[in-house]
Structure formats: C-alpha cells, structure tokens
Amino acid sequence: MHHGRIEVRTSGKVETVEVTDQISEEIRRSKVREGLCTVSVLHTTAGVFVNENADPDVQRDLLGALERMVPSDARYAHAEGNSPGHIKAVLTGSSVTLAVRAGALELGRWQGVYLAEFDGPRIRSASITCIGEVEG
C-alpha cells in the first residue's frame, strides 16, 4: 500500500483542473503494477471525477450545467456564502477509485481525472492511496 498527496493551485472561483498526470506519478512512486488507486479530495467545496479530456468544451458544459442546477445567486442559509460550492461538491463526489493495470491508470481513450474547484481560487489537496501487487 502507498499513500501520497497532490496539491493543485486553482485560479478561478469555479473551474476544473486535470490531475491525471499527477495521479499517474503517484502510481509510479507506489510501484503498484496491478491494483486500485483511490483519489480523495480533502475539501468540502471541491470534487473529483472522471470525464472526457479531449474537448475543453465538455468541462465548460459540465460547469454550466452545475451552475444551472445550483445557481450561485440563489438564497442559501450558510453564512459563509459558499453553499453552492458545498452542494456542487456533493454532486460531483469527493473520491474516485480507479484500476491500475501494468503500472498505469486504466482509463478510456478520452478519459481524464479532474479536480473540480467550487470556492476558489485556493490550493487544494487530494490524498492518493494505491493498493495492489507491486513490481519486483
């Protein structure tokens, strides 16, 4: 088992940042050849998910749909003013578990792993846990 952590500096109030390469580097460090990798975002106004990484319009569409579902200008009780971020984080989820095959993430041709920022800009952390058969 290997535990690691990545940090992501976000630049906008709401955005997605592809973190596939950073996760892949943690898998290399883990030396896990066959197993699982869990990525958990350590914040309540951020999420993590797998989606298309070929066309940036997909990310814009996703963020637009989330904004329509959870409008920033609606009336919320939470005094900090970031309730939309908390709700969007619940909708996207705080963790994903992915297969590791031959020492690499097993993703589809157009898939990438994204951190979703809903209350930025900030420095976000994600825990990476890899389990499985190690090389050697």
N, C-alpha and C. Protein backbone atom coordinates (compact mmCIF):
# COMPACT_ATOMS: atom_id res chain seq x y z
N MET A 1 0.84 -1.18 0.00
CA MET A 1 0.00 0.00 0.00
C MET A 1 0.88 1.24 0.00
N HIS A 2 0.43 2.25 -0.73
CA HIS A 2 1.17 3.51 -0.83
C HIS A 2 0.20 4.66 -0.62
N HIS A 3 0.61 5.61 0.23
CA HIS A 3 -0.17 6.82 0.44
C HIS A 3 0.64 8.01 -0.06
N GLY A 4 0.00 8.84 -0.86
CA GLY A 4 0.64 10.05 -1.35
C GLY A 4 -0.36 11.20 -1.32
N ARG A 5 0.11 12.34 -1.73
CA ARG A 5 -0.76 13.51 -1.75
C ARG A 5 -0.33 14.40 -2.91
N ILE A 6 -1.32 15.00 -3.56
CA ILE A 6 -1.02 16.00 -4.58
C ILE A 6 -1.63 17.32 -4.16
N GLU A 7 -1.05 18.40 -4.63
CA GLU A 7 -1.61 19.73 -4.41
C GLU A 7 -1.89 20.37 -5.75
N VAL A 8 -3.00 21.09 -5.82
CA VAL A 8 -3.42 21.75 -7.04
C VAL A 8 -3.75 23.20 -6.70
N ARG A 9 -3.12 24.11 -7.39
CA ARG A 9 -3.42 25.53 -7.22
C ARG A 9 -4.46 25.91 -8.27
N THR A 10 -5.63 26.31 -7.80
CA THR A 10 -6.68 26.72 -8.72
C THR A 10 -6.62 28.23 -8.91
N SER A 11 -7.15 28.69 -10.04
CA SER A 11 -7.04 30.11 -10.34
C SER A 11 -8.38 30.81 -10.46
N GLY A 12 -9.48 30.05 -10.46
CA GLY A 12 -10.79 30.66 -10.61
C GLY A 12 -11.71 30.31 -9.47
N LYS A 13 -12.83 31.01 -9.39
CA LYS A 13 -13.86 30.71 -8.39
C LYS A 13 -14.41 29.30 -8.62
N VAL A 14 -14.69 28.98 -9.88
CA VAL A 14 -15.21 27.67 -10.26
C VAL A 14 -14.45 27.23 -11.50
N GLU A 15 -13.85 26.05 -11.44
CA GLU A 15 -13.10 25.53 -12.58
C GLU A 15 -12.82 24.05 -12.38
N THR A 16 -12.37 23.40 -13.43
CA THR A 16 -11.85 22.04 -13.33
C THR A 16 -10.39 22.04 -13.76
N VAL A 17 -9.62 21.18 -13.12
CA VAL A 17 -8.19 21.06 -13.42
C VAL A 17 -7.90 19.58 -13.61
N GLU A 18 -7.35 19.22 -14.76
CA GLU A 18 -7.00 17.83 -14.98
C GLU A 18 -5.80 17.44 -14.12
N VAL A 19 -5.92 16.35 -13.38
CA VAL A 19 -4.87 15.89 -12.47
C VAL A 19 -4.38 14.48 -12.80
N THR A 20 -4.71 14.01 -14.00
CA THR A 20 -4.33 12.64 -14.41
C THR A 20 -2.83 12.41 -14.30
N ASP A 21 -2.03 13.35 -14.79
CA ASP A 21 -0.57 13.16 -14.77
C ASP A 21 -0.03 13.11 -13.35
N GLN A 22 -0.56 13.94 -12.45
CA GLN A 22 -0.09 13.93 -11.07
C GLN A 22 -0.44 12.60 -10.38
N ILE A 23 -1.61 12.08 -10.66
CA ILE A 23 -2.01 10.79 -10.09
C ILE A 23 -1.14 9.68 -10.67
N SER A 24 -0.89 9.74 -11.96
CA SER A 24 -0.03 8.74 -12.61
C SER A 24 1.36 8.73 -12.00
N GLU A 25 1.88 9.89 -11.64
CA GLU A 25 3.19 9.97 -11.00
C GLU A 25 3.16 9.29 -9.62
N GLU A 26 2.09 9.47 -8.88
CA GLU A 26 1.97 8.79 -7.58
C GLU A 26 1.90 7.28 -7.76
N ILE A 27 1.22 6.83 -8.80
CA ILE A 27 1.17 5.39 -9.07
C ILE A 27 2.57 4.87 -9.39
N ARG A 28 3.36 5.62 -10.17
CA ARG A 28 4.75 5.22 -10.45
C ARG A 28 5.55 5.11 -9.15
N ARG A 29 5.39 6.11 -8.27
CA ARG A 29 6.10 6.08 -6.98
C ARG A 29 5.69 4.88 -6.14
N SER A 30 4.43 4.49 -6.24
CA SER A 30 3.91 3.39 -5.43
C SER A 30 4.48 2.04 -5.85
N LYS A 31 4.89 1.93 -7.11
CA LYS A 31 5.37 0.69 -7.70
C LYS A 31 4.28 -0.37 -7.81
N VAL A 32 2.99 0.03 -7.64
CA VAL A 32 1.88 -0.90 -7.83
C VAL A 32 1.74 -1.20 -9.31
N ARG A 33 1.74 -2.49 -9.66
CA ARG A 33 1.60 -2.91 -11.06
C ARG A 33 0.15 -3.25 -11.38
N GLU A 34 -0.53 -3.94 -10.46
CA GLU A 34 -1.92 -4.36 -10.65
C GLU A 34 -2.66 -4.07 -9.36
N GLY A 35 -3.70 -3.25 -9.43
CA GLY A 35 -4.43 -2.95 -8.21
C GLY A 35 -5.42 -1.81 -8.39
N LEU A 36 -5.55 -1.03 -7.34
CA LEU A 36 -6.50 0.08 -7.32
C LEU A 36 -5.84 1.35 -6.81
N CYS A 37 -6.36 2.46 -7.27
CA CYS A 37 -5.90 3.76 -6.82
C CYS A 37 -7.13 4.59 -6.47
N THR A 38 -7.19 5.06 -5.23
CA THR A 38 -8.28 5.92 -4.79
C THR A 38 -7.76 7.34 -4.65
N VAL A 39 -8.49 8.27 -5.22
CA VAL A 39 -8.18 9.70 -5.15
C VAL A 39 -9.29 10.35 -4.34
N SER A 40 -8.93 11.00 -3.24
CA SER A 40 -9.90 11.65 -2.37
C SER A 40 -9.53 13.12 -2.19
N VAL A 41 -10.46 14.00 -2.54
CA VAL A 41 -10.25 15.43 -2.34
C VAL A 41 -10.51 15.74 -0.87
N LEU A 42 -9.63 16.54 -0.27
CA LEU A 42 -9.68 16.79 1.17
C LEU A 42 -10.36 18.11 1.51
N HIS A 43 -11.42 18.43 0.78
CA HIS A 43 -12.12 19.71 0.97
C HIS A 43 -13.61 19.50 0.74
N THR A 44 -14.42 20.35 1.35
CA THR A 44 -15.87 20.22 1.22
C THR A 44 -16.46 21.09 0.12
N THR A 45 -15.64 21.89 -0.55
CA THR A 45 -16.12 22.68 -1.68
C THR A 45 -15.30 22.37 -2.94
N ALA A 46 -14.83 21.14 -3.02
CA ALA A 46 -14.11 20.67 -4.20
C ALA A 46 -14.53 19.22 -4.44
N GLY A 47 -14.39 18.76 -5.67
CA GLY A 47 -14.75 17.40 -6.01
C GLY A 47 -13.71 16.78 -6.92
N VAL A 48 -13.92 15.50 -7.24
CA VAL A 48 -13.05 14.80 -8.17
C VAL A 48 -13.91 13.85 -8.99
N PHE A 49 -13.59 13.75 -10.28
CA PHE A 49 -14.39 12.91 -11.17
C PHE A 49 -13.58 12.53 -12.40
N VAL A 50 -14.09 11.55 -13.14
CA VAL A 50 -13.51 11.13 -14.42
C VAL A 50 -14.44 11.62 -15.52
N ASN A 51 -13.85 12.22 -16.57
CA ASN A 51 -14.66 12.67 -17.69
C ASN A 51 -13.76 12.84 -18.91
N GLU A 52 -14.36 13.28 -20.00
CA GLU A 52 -13.62 13.47 -21.25
C GLU A 52 -12.54 14.53 -21.09
N ASN A 53 -11.35 14.22 -21.65
CA ASN A 53 -10.25 15.19 -21.60
C ASN A 53 -9.80 15.64 -22.99
N ALA A 54 -10.56 15.33 -24.02
CA ALA A 54 -10.15 15.71 -25.38
C ALA A 54 -10.68 17.09 -25.79
N ASP A 55 -11.89 17.42 -25.39
CA ASP A 55 -12.53 18.67 -25.81
C ASP A 55 -12.83 19.51 -24.58
N PRO A 56 -12.16 20.66 -24.40
CA PRO A 56 -12.39 21.51 -23.23
C PRO A 56 -13.84 22.01 -23.10
N ASP A 57 -14.59 21.97 -24.18
CA ASP A 57 -15.98 22.39 -24.11
C ASP A 57 -16.80 21.48 -23.18
N VAL A 58 -16.38 20.23 -23.03
CA VAL A 58 -17.09 19.32 -22.14
C VAL A 58 -17.03 19.85 -20.71
N GLN A 59 -15.86 20.33 -20.30
CA GLN A 59 -15.72 20.88 -18.95
C GLN A 59 -16.56 22.15 -18.78
N ARG A 60 -16.56 23.00 -19.79
CA ARG A 60 -17.39 24.22 -19.73
C ARG A 60 -18.86 23.86 -19.64
N ASP A 61 -19.29 22.87 -20.42
CA ASP A 61 -20.68 22.42 -20.38
C ASP A 61 -21.04 21.86 -19.00
N LEU A 62 -20.14 21.07 -18.44
CA LEU A 62 -20.37 20.49 -17.11
C LEU A 62 -20.54 21.60 -16.07
N LEU A 63 -19.62 22.55 -16.06
CA LEU A 63 -19.71 23.64 -15.08
C LEU A 63 -20.97 24.48 -15.30
N GLY A 64 -21.34 24.68 -16.55
CA GLY A 64 -22.57 25.42 -16.86
C GLY A 64 -23.80 24.68 -16.36
N ALA A 65 -23.83 23.38 -16.55
CA ALA A 65 -24.97 22.58 -16.07
C ALA A 65 -25.06 22.61 -14.55
N LEU A 66 -23.91 22.51 -13.88
CA LEU A 66 -23.92 22.57 -12.42
C LEU A 66 -24.40 23.94 -11.94
N GLU A 67 -24.02 25.00 -12.64
CA GLU A 67 -24.47 26.35 -12.26
C GLU A 67 -25.98 26.48 -12.44
N ARG A 68 -26.52 25.89 -13.49
CA ARG A 68 -27.98 25.94 -13.68
C ARG A 68 -28.70 25.15 -12.60
N MET A 69 -28.13 24.02 -12.17
CA MET A 69 -28.74 23.21 -11.13
C MET A 69 -28.61 23.84 -9.75
N VAL A 70 -27.45 24.48 -9.52
CA VAL A 70 -27.15 25.07 -8.21
C VAL A 70 -26.68 26.51 -8.45
N PRO A 71 -27.60 27.44 -8.66
CA PRO A 71 -27.21 28.81 -9.00
C PRO A 71 -26.47 29.51 -7.87
N SER A 72 -25.46 30.25 -8.24
CA SER A 72 -24.66 30.99 -7.27
C SER A 72 -25.46 32.08 -6.58
N ASP A 73 -26.45 32.63 -7.27
CA ASP A 73 -27.20 33.76 -6.73
C ASP A 73 -28.51 33.38 -6.04
N ALA A 74 -28.71 32.09 -5.76
CA ALA A 74 -29.91 31.66 -5.04
C ALA A 74 -29.76 32.01 -3.55
N ARG A 75 -30.85 31.90 -2.82
CA ARG A 75 -30.83 32.20 -1.39
C ARG A 75 -30.40 30.95 -0.62
N TYR A 76 -29.30 31.08 0.12
CA TYR A 76 -28.77 29.98 0.93
C TYR A 76 -28.63 30.46 2.37
N ALA A 77 -28.77 29.55 3.32
CA ALA A 77 -28.70 29.90 4.74
C ALA A 77 -27.27 29.98 5.27
N HIS A 78 -26.36 29.22 4.70
CA HIS A 78 -24.97 29.15 5.20
C HIS A 78 -24.33 30.53 5.15
N ALA A 79 -23.85 31.01 6.29
CA ALA A 79 -23.36 32.39 6.42
C ALA A 79 -22.09 32.67 5.63
N GLU A 80 -21.27 31.66 5.33
CA GLU A 80 -20.02 31.90 4.62
C GLU A 80 -20.23 32.29 3.16
N GLY A 81 -21.40 32.00 2.62
CA GLY A 81 -21.66 32.36 1.23
C GLY A 81 -21.16 31.36 0.20
N ASN A 82 -20.72 30.19 0.65
CA ASN A 82 -20.21 29.21 -0.30
C ASN A 82 -21.06 27.94 -0.37
N SER A 83 -22.33 28.06 -0.01
CA SER A 83 -23.23 26.90 -0.11
C SER A 83 -23.27 26.28 -1.50
N PRO A 84 -23.29 27.08 -2.58
CA PRO A 84 -23.27 26.44 -3.90
C PRO A 84 -22.06 25.52 -4.08
N GLY A 85 -20.91 25.90 -3.54
CA GLY A 85 -19.72 25.06 -3.63
C GLY A 85 -19.88 23.75 -2.89
N HIS A 86 -20.48 23.80 -1.71
CA HIS A 86 -20.71 22.58 -0.94
C HIS A 86 -21.66 21.64 -1.69
N ILE A 87 -22.72 22.19 -2.25
CA ILE A 87 -23.71 21.37 -2.95
C ILE A 87 -23.11 20.77 -4.23
N LYS A 88 -22.38 21.57 -4.99
CA LYS A 88 -21.76 21.06 -6.22
C LYS A 88 -20.73 19.98 -5.91
N ALA A 89 -20.03 20.12 -4.77
CA ALA A 89 -19.06 19.10 -4.38
C ALA A 89 -19.76 17.77 -4.07
N VAL A 90 -20.92 17.84 -3.44
CA VAL A 90 -21.68 16.61 -3.18
C VAL A 90 -22.10 15.97 -4.50
N LEU A 91 -22.51 16.79 -5.46
CA LEU A 91 -22.96 16.26 -6.76
C LEU A 91 -21.82 15.60 -7.54
N THR A 92 -20.63 16.17 -7.49
CA THR A 92 -19.51 15.58 -8.23
C THR A 92 -18.84 14.45 -7.47
N GLY A 93 -18.90 14.48 -6.15
CA GLY A 93 -18.28 13.45 -5.33
C GLY A 93 -16.90 13.85 -4.86
N SER A 94 -16.48 13.24 -3.75
CA SER A 94 -15.19 13.59 -3.16
C SER A 94 -14.10 12.56 -3.41
N SER A 95 -14.45 11.43 -4.06
CA SER A 95 -13.42 10.43 -4.33
C SER A 95 -13.78 9.60 -5.55
N VAL A 96 -12.75 9.04 -6.16
CA VAL A 96 -12.90 8.07 -7.24
C VAL A 96 -11.90 6.95 -7.00
N THR A 97 -12.29 5.74 -7.34
CA THR A 97 -11.38 4.60 -7.29
C THR A 97 -11.21 4.07 -8.70
N LEU A 98 -9.95 3.95 -9.10
CA LEU A 98 -9.61 3.60 -10.48
C LEU A 98 -8.72 2.36 -10.52
N ALA A 99 -8.84 1.61 -11.58
CA ALA A 99 -8.00 0.42 -11.76
C ALA A 99 -6.59 0.83 -12.17
N VAL A 100 -5.62 0.06 -11.66
CA VAL A 100 -4.22 0.18 -12.09
C VAL A 100 -3.88 -1.12 -12.80
N ARG A 101 -3.46 -1.01 -14.05
CA ARG A 101 -3.07 -2.17 -14.86
C ARG A 101 -1.70 -1.90 -15.46
N ALA A 102 -0.81 -2.85 -15.32
CA ALA A 102 0.55 -2.72 -15.86
C ALA A 102 1.22 -1.42 -15.39
N GLY A 103 0.96 -1.04 -14.14
CA GLY A 103 1.61 0.12 -13.55
C GLY A 103 1.05 1.47 -13.96
N ALA A 104 -0.12 1.48 -14.60
CA ALA A 104 -0.69 2.75 -15.07
C ALA A 104 -2.20 2.78 -14.81
N LEU A 105 -2.74 3.99 -14.72
CA LEU A 105 -4.19 4.13 -14.63
C LEU A 105 -4.85 3.49 -15.83
N GLU A 106 -5.91 2.74 -15.60
CA GLU A 106 -6.66 2.18 -16.71
C GLU A 106 -7.84 3.12 -16.98
N LEU A 107 -7.64 3.98 -17.97
CA LEU A 107 -8.65 4.94 -18.38
C LEU A 107 -8.99 4.70 -19.85
N GLY A 108 -10.17 5.11 -20.23
CA GLY A 108 -10.55 5.04 -21.63
C GLY A 108 -9.80 6.07 -22.45
N ARG A 109 -9.87 5.93 -23.75
CA ARG A 109 -9.11 6.76 -24.68
C ARG A 109 -9.28 8.25 -24.43
N TRP A 110 -10.48 8.69 -24.12
CA TRP A 110 -10.75 10.12 -23.98
C TRP A 110 -10.95 10.54 -22.52
N GLN A 111 -10.57 9.68 -21.58
CA GLN A 111 -10.84 9.98 -20.18
C GLN A 111 -9.65 10.61 -19.47
N GLY A 112 -9.98 11.48 -18.52
CA GLY A 112 -9.01 12.07 -17.62
C GLY A 112 -9.63 12.23 -16.25
N VAL A 113 -8.80 12.45 -15.26
CA VAL A 113 -9.26 12.67 -13.89
C VAL A 113 -9.18 14.17 -13.62
N TYR A 114 -10.26 14.70 -13.06
CA TYR A 114 -10.36 16.15 -12.83
C TYR A 114 -10.63 16.47 -11.37
N LEU A 115 -9.98 17.51 -10.88
CA LEU A 115 -10.35 18.14 -9.63
C LEU A 115 -11.28 19.28 -9.98
N ALA A 116 -12.39 19.37 -9.28
CA ALA A 116 -13.35 20.45 -9.50
C ALA A 116 -13.26 21.45 -8.36
N GLU A 117 -13.03 22.69 -8.71
CA GLU A 117 -12.97 23.79 -7.73
C GLU A 117 -14.30 24.51 -7.74
N PHE A 118 -14.91 24.67 -6.55
CA PHE A 118 -16.19 25.36 -6.45
C PHE A 118 -16.16 26.54 -5.48
N ASP A 119 -14.99 26.90 -4.95
CA ASP A 119 -14.89 28.01 -4.00
C ASP A 119 -13.48 28.57 -4.00
N GLY A 120 -12.96 28.82 -5.18
CA GLY A 120 -11.56 29.25 -5.29
C GLY A 120 -11.42 30.73 -5.48
N PRO A 121 -10.21 31.09 -5.84
CA PRO A 121 -9.03 30.24 -6.02
C PRO A 121 -8.43 29.82 -4.68
N ARG A 122 -7.85 28.65 -4.68
CA ARG A 122 -7.24 28.07 -3.47
C ARG A 122 -6.16 27.07 -3.86
N ILE A 123 -5.46 26.59 -2.86
CA ILE A 123 -4.59 25.43 -3.03
C ILE A 123 -5.36 24.24 -2.48
N ARG A 124 -5.59 23.26 -3.32
CA ARG A 124 -6.38 22.08 -2.95
C ARG A 124 -5.47 20.87 -2.82
N SER A 125 -5.82 19.98 -1.91
CA SER A 125 -5.06 18.74 -1.70
C SER A 125 -5.95 17.54 -1.98
N ALA A 126 -5.32 16.51 -2.49
CA ALA A 126 -6.01 15.24 -2.68
C ALA A 126 -5.11 14.12 -2.19
N SER A 127 -5.70 13.19 -1.48
CA SER A 127 -4.99 12.02 -1.00
C SER A 127 -5.04 10.94 -2.08
N ILE A 128 -3.91 10.30 -2.31
CA ILE A 128 -3.80 9.22 -3.30
C ILE A 128 -3.40 7.95 -2.56
N THR A 129 -4.25 6.92 -2.63
CA THR A 129 -3.94 5.65 -1.99
C THR A 129 -3.93 4.56 -3.05
N CYS A 130 -2.79 3.89 -3.17
CA CYS A 130 -2.64 2.81 -4.16
C CYS A 130 -2.44 1.50 -3.40
N ILE A 131 -3.20 0.48 -3.80
CA ILE A 131 -3.05 -0.85 -3.22
C ILE A 131 -2.97 -1.87 -4.34
N GLY A 132 -2.22 -2.93 -4.09
CA GLY A 132 -2.14 -3.99 -5.09
C GLY A 132 -0.79 -4.65 -5.12
N GLU A 133 -0.56 -5.42 -6.18
CA GLU A 133 0.69 -6.12 -6.38
C GLU A 133 1.76 -5.13 -6.83
N VAL A 134 2.90 -5.17 -6.17
CA VAL A 134 3.99 -4.27 -6.54
C VAL A 134 4.98 -4.99 -7.44
N GLU A 135 5.74 -4.20 -8.20
CA GLU A 135 6.74 -4.78 -9.09
C GLU A 135 7.86 -5.38 -8.28
N GLY A 136 8.51 -6.35 -8.88
CA GLY A 136 9.68 -6.96 -8.24
C GLY A 136 9.32 -8.09 -7.43
